[in-house]
């Protein structure tokens, strides 16, 4: 059986950081990849809400 380089790559185990990032993307429904690819994809597909932190925005220092 002949394996292509891509099969070798995709069958490698993920690092802890990669696995954490992948789980975060799946749970949030956000794109997975490098920062520039994520931003480009978010602009094209419009899931910006999945890129923002969860919860209410923090109050600024002036209390508004």
Protein backbone atom coordinates (compact mmCIF):
# COMPACT_ATOMS: atom_id res chain seq x y z
CA UNK A 1 0.00 0.00 0.00
CA UNK A 2 1.41 3.39 -1.00
CA UNK A 3 0.92 6.28 1.42
CA UNK A 4 1.04 9.88 0.34
CA UNK A 5 2.79 12.49 2.50
CA UNK A 6 -0.56 14.06 3.42
CA UNK A 7 -1.83 10.77 4.88
CA UNK A 8 1.30 10.53 6.99
CA UNK A 9 0.74 14.11 8.21
CA UNK A 10 -2.96 13.80 9.04
CA UNK A 11 -2.46 10.51 10.87
CA UNK A 12 0.09 12.00 13.29
CA UNK A 13 -1.13 12.59 16.87
CA UNK A 14 -1.84 16.18 17.86
CA UNK A 15 0.14 18.01 20.51
CA UNK A 16 -1.65 19.11 23.67
CA UNK A 17 -1.86 22.69 22.37
CA UNK A 18 -3.23 21.56 18.99
CA UNK A 19 -5.82 19.36 20.65
CA UNK A 20 -6.91 22.19 22.97
CA UNK A 21 -7.23 24.63 20.04
CA UNK A 22 -9.16 22.07 18.00
CA UNK A 23 -11.58 21.39 20.87
CA UNK A 24 -12.08 25.13 21.41
CA UNK A 25 -12.90 25.59 17.71
CA UNK A 26 -15.38 22.71 17.73
CA UNK A 27 -17.08 23.89 20.93
CA UNK A 28 -17.33 27.50 19.76
CA UNK A 29 -18.14 26.71 16.14
CA UNK A 30 -15.22 28.87 15.05
CA UNK A 31 -12.71 28.24 12.25
CA UNK A 32 -9.60 26.22 13.09
CA UNK A 33 -6.19 27.17 11.73
CA UNK A 34 -3.57 29.88 11.86
CA UNK A 35 -4.49 33.40 13.02
CA UNK A 36 -4.48 34.99 9.54
CA UNK A 37 -6.53 32.13 8.05
CA UNK A 38 -9.05 32.36 10.91
CA UNK A 39 -9.50 36.12 10.37
CA UNK A 40 -9.88 35.75 6.59
CA UNK A 41 -12.38 32.93 6.99
CA UNK A 42 -14.34 34.85 9.62
CA UNK A 43 -14.59 37.88 7.32
CA UNK A 44 -15.80 35.72 4.43
CA UNK A 45 -18.26 33.56 6.38
CA UNK A 46 -19.18 36.14 9.03
CA UNK A 47 -18.87 34.05 12.25
CA UNK A 48 -17.13 36.91 14.12
CA UNK A 49 -19.21 36.20 17.23
CA UNK A 50 -17.40 32.88 17.56
CA UNK A 51 -14.05 34.70 17.72
CA UNK A 52 -14.95 37.09 20.54
CA UNK A 53 -14.58 36.06 24.18
CA UNK A 54 -17.70 34.61 25.78
CA UNK A 55 -19.78 36.58 28.24
CA UNK A 56 -20.48 40.24 28.80
CA UNK A 57 -17.89 42.80 27.82
CA UNK A 58 -15.89 44.11 30.76
CA UNK A 59 -16.62 47.62 31.99
CA UNK A 60 -14.04 50.22 31.14
CA UNK A 61 -12.21 52.07 33.92
CA UNK A 62 -14.63 55.03 33.84
CA UNK A 63 -17.46 52.73 34.99
CA UNK A 64 -19.66 52.94 31.88
